[in-house]
Amino acid sequence: MNHVLDLLSAVLLLAGSLLCFCAAVGLVRFPDLLSRMHAATKPQVLGIVLVLLGVGVGLRSGISVGMLVLVALFQLLTTPVASHMMSRGALRAGQVSLPADHRREIEETLGR
């Protein structure tokens, strides 16, 4: 049973680190701000959660797993909010190029 859990832990760690690597490559290679933000949030959070899951399966300690669950929960709660605030700031600073009809619609919702 321990061998199966160790193998599962290794697979989860490998999958999580691969997703984090893909997110890092996306940050370097993607051309515009919005696609880079997508690479910084979506695969990165899933990669971190998989790494934490792999560590939790590997440790098998109640207190450690509880702390890892808290870390994963804070990651899942704060990353979308931070991404949303960065995109709003980039839009207001004029760093995002949008078609005219989308820009008008967004400016109406922002109250400009």
Protein backbone atom coordinates (compact mmCIF):
# COMPACT_ATOMS: atom_id res chain seq x y z
CA MET A 1 0.00 0.00 0.00
CA ASN A 2 2.84 2.40 0.81
CA HIS A 3 4.40 1.80 -2.61
CA VAL A 4 1.15 2.74 -4.33
CA LEU A 5 0.84 5.95 -2.30
CA ASP A 6 4.48 6.82 -2.98
CA LEU A 7 3.95 6.26 -6.70
CA LEU A 8 0.78 8.39 -6.63
CA SER A 9 2.68 11.11 -4.79
CA ALA A 10 5.46 11.05 -7.40
CA VAL A 11 2.96 11.23 -10.27
CA LEU A 12 1.14 14.18 -8.67
CA LEU A 13 4.42 16.00 -8.03
CA LEU A 14 5.56 15.41 -11.60
CA ALA A 15 2.25 16.55 -13.09
CA GLY A 16 2.18 19.66 -10.89
CA SER A 17 5.74 20.61 -11.70
CA LEU A 18 5.06 20.10 -15.42
CA LEU A 19 2.07 22.47 -15.24
CA CYS A 20 4.13 25.05 -13.35
CA PHE A 21 6.84 24.75 -16.01
CA CYS A 22 4.26 25.22 -18.77
CA ALA A 23 3.01 28.34 -17.00
CA ALA A 24 6.55 29.72 -16.81
CA VAL A 25 7.10 29.06 -20.51
CA GLY A 26 3.78 30.77 -21.27
CA LEU A 27 4.86 33.85 -19.34
CA VAL A 28 7.97 34.12 -21.47
CA ARG A 29 6.52 33.17 -24.86
CA PHE A 30 3.01 34.65 -25.02
CA PRO A 31 2.83 37.97 -26.87
CA ASP A 32 0.28 40.10 -25.01
CA LEU A 33 -0.64 40.94 -21.45
CA LEU A 34 -3.93 39.06 -21.21
CA SER A 35 -2.55 35.77 -22.49
CA ARG A 36 0.42 36.08 -20.13
CA MET A 37 -1.96 36.65 -17.24
CA HIS A 38 -3.86 33.53 -18.28
CA ALA A 39 -0.60 31.56 -18.21
CA ALA A 40 0.27 33.01 -14.82
CA THR A 41 -3.02 32.02 -13.21
CA LYS A 42 -4.74 28.97 -14.71
CA PRO A 43 -2.00 26.33 -15.07
CA GLN A 44 0.04 27.78 -12.22
CA VAL A 45 -2.73 27.35 -9.64
CA LEU A 46 -3.57 23.84 -10.83
CA GLY A 47 0.13 22.97 -10.78
CA ILE A 48 0.55 24.25 -7.24
CA VAL A 49 -2.54 22.36 -6.07
CA LEU A 50 -1.22 19.14 -7.65
CA VAL A 51 2.18 19.63 -6.01
CA LEU A 52 0.51 20.23 -2.64
CA LEU A 53 -1.64 17.14 -3.16
CA GLY A 54 1.46 15.10 -3.97
CA VAL A 55 3.24 16.37 -0.86
CA GLY A 56 0.16 15.60 1.25
CA VAL A 57 -0.07 12.04 -0.07
CA GLY A 58 3.65 11.62 0.50
CA LEU A 59 3.64 12.94 4.08
CA ARG A 60 0.40 11.28 5.26
CA SER A 61 0.42 13.37 8.45
CA GLY A 62 -2.80 14.96 9.66
CA ILE A 63 -1.35 18.32 10.70
CA SER A 64 0.76 18.61 7.54
CA VAL A 65 -2.18 17.80 5.30
CA GLY A 66 -4.28 20.39 7.14
CA MET A 67 -1.66 23.06 6.51
CA LEU A 68 -1.39 22.06 2.85
CA VAL A 69 -5.17 22.33 2.48
CA LEU A 70 -5.01 25.86 3.89
CA VAL A 71 -2.25 26.81 1.44
CA ALA A 72 -4.25 25.40 -1.49
CA LEU A 73 -7.39 27.19 -0.31
CA PHE A 74 -5.60 30.54 -0.08
CA GLN A 75 -4.11 29.98 -3.54
CA LEU A 76 -7.53 29.25 -5.00
CA LEU A 77 -9.05 32.31 -3.32
CA THR A 78 -6.40 34.94 -3.97
CA THR A 79 -5.11 34.19 -7.46
CA PRO A 80 -8.34 34.94 -9.39
CA VAL A 81 -8.84 38.18 -7.46
CA ALA A 82 -5.27 39.30 -8.11
CA SER A 83 -5.58 38.47 -11.80
CA HIS A 84 -8.83 40.37 -12.07
CA MET A 85 -7.37 43.45 -10.40
CA MET A 86 -4.28 43.37 -12.64
CA SER A 87 -6.42 43.14 -15.76
CA ARG A 88 -8.57 46.08 -14.64
CA GLY A 89 -5.46 48.13 -13.94
CA ALA A 90 -3.98 47.24 -17.31
CA LEU A 91 -7.23 48.15 -19.05
CA ARG A 92 -7.42 51.51 -17.30
CA ALA A 93 -3.76 52.24 -18.07
CA GLY A 94 -4.34 51.53 -21.75
CA GLN A 95 -2.06 48.49 -21.90
CA VAL A 96 -4.74 46.27 -23.45
CA SER A 97 -5.73 46.74 -27.08
CA LEU A 98 -9.39 45.89 -27.62
CA PRO A 99 -11.71 46.31 -30.59
CA ALA A 100 -13.69 49.57 -30.50
CA ASP A 101 -17.05 47.96 -29.73
CA HIS A 102 -15.62 46.06 -26.77
CA ARG A 103 -13.84 49.13 -25.47
CA ARG A 104 -17.06 51.16 -25.62
CA GLU A 105 -18.94 48.48 -23.74
CA ILE A 106 -16.26 48.25 -21.04
CA GLU A 107 -16.05 52.02 -20.68
CA GLU A 108 -19.82 52.16 -20.20
CA THR A 109 -19.64 49.59 -17.41
CA LEU A 110 -16.72 51.44 -15.78
CA GLY A 111 -18.69 54.67 -15.87
CA ARG A 112 -16.45 56.75 -18.14
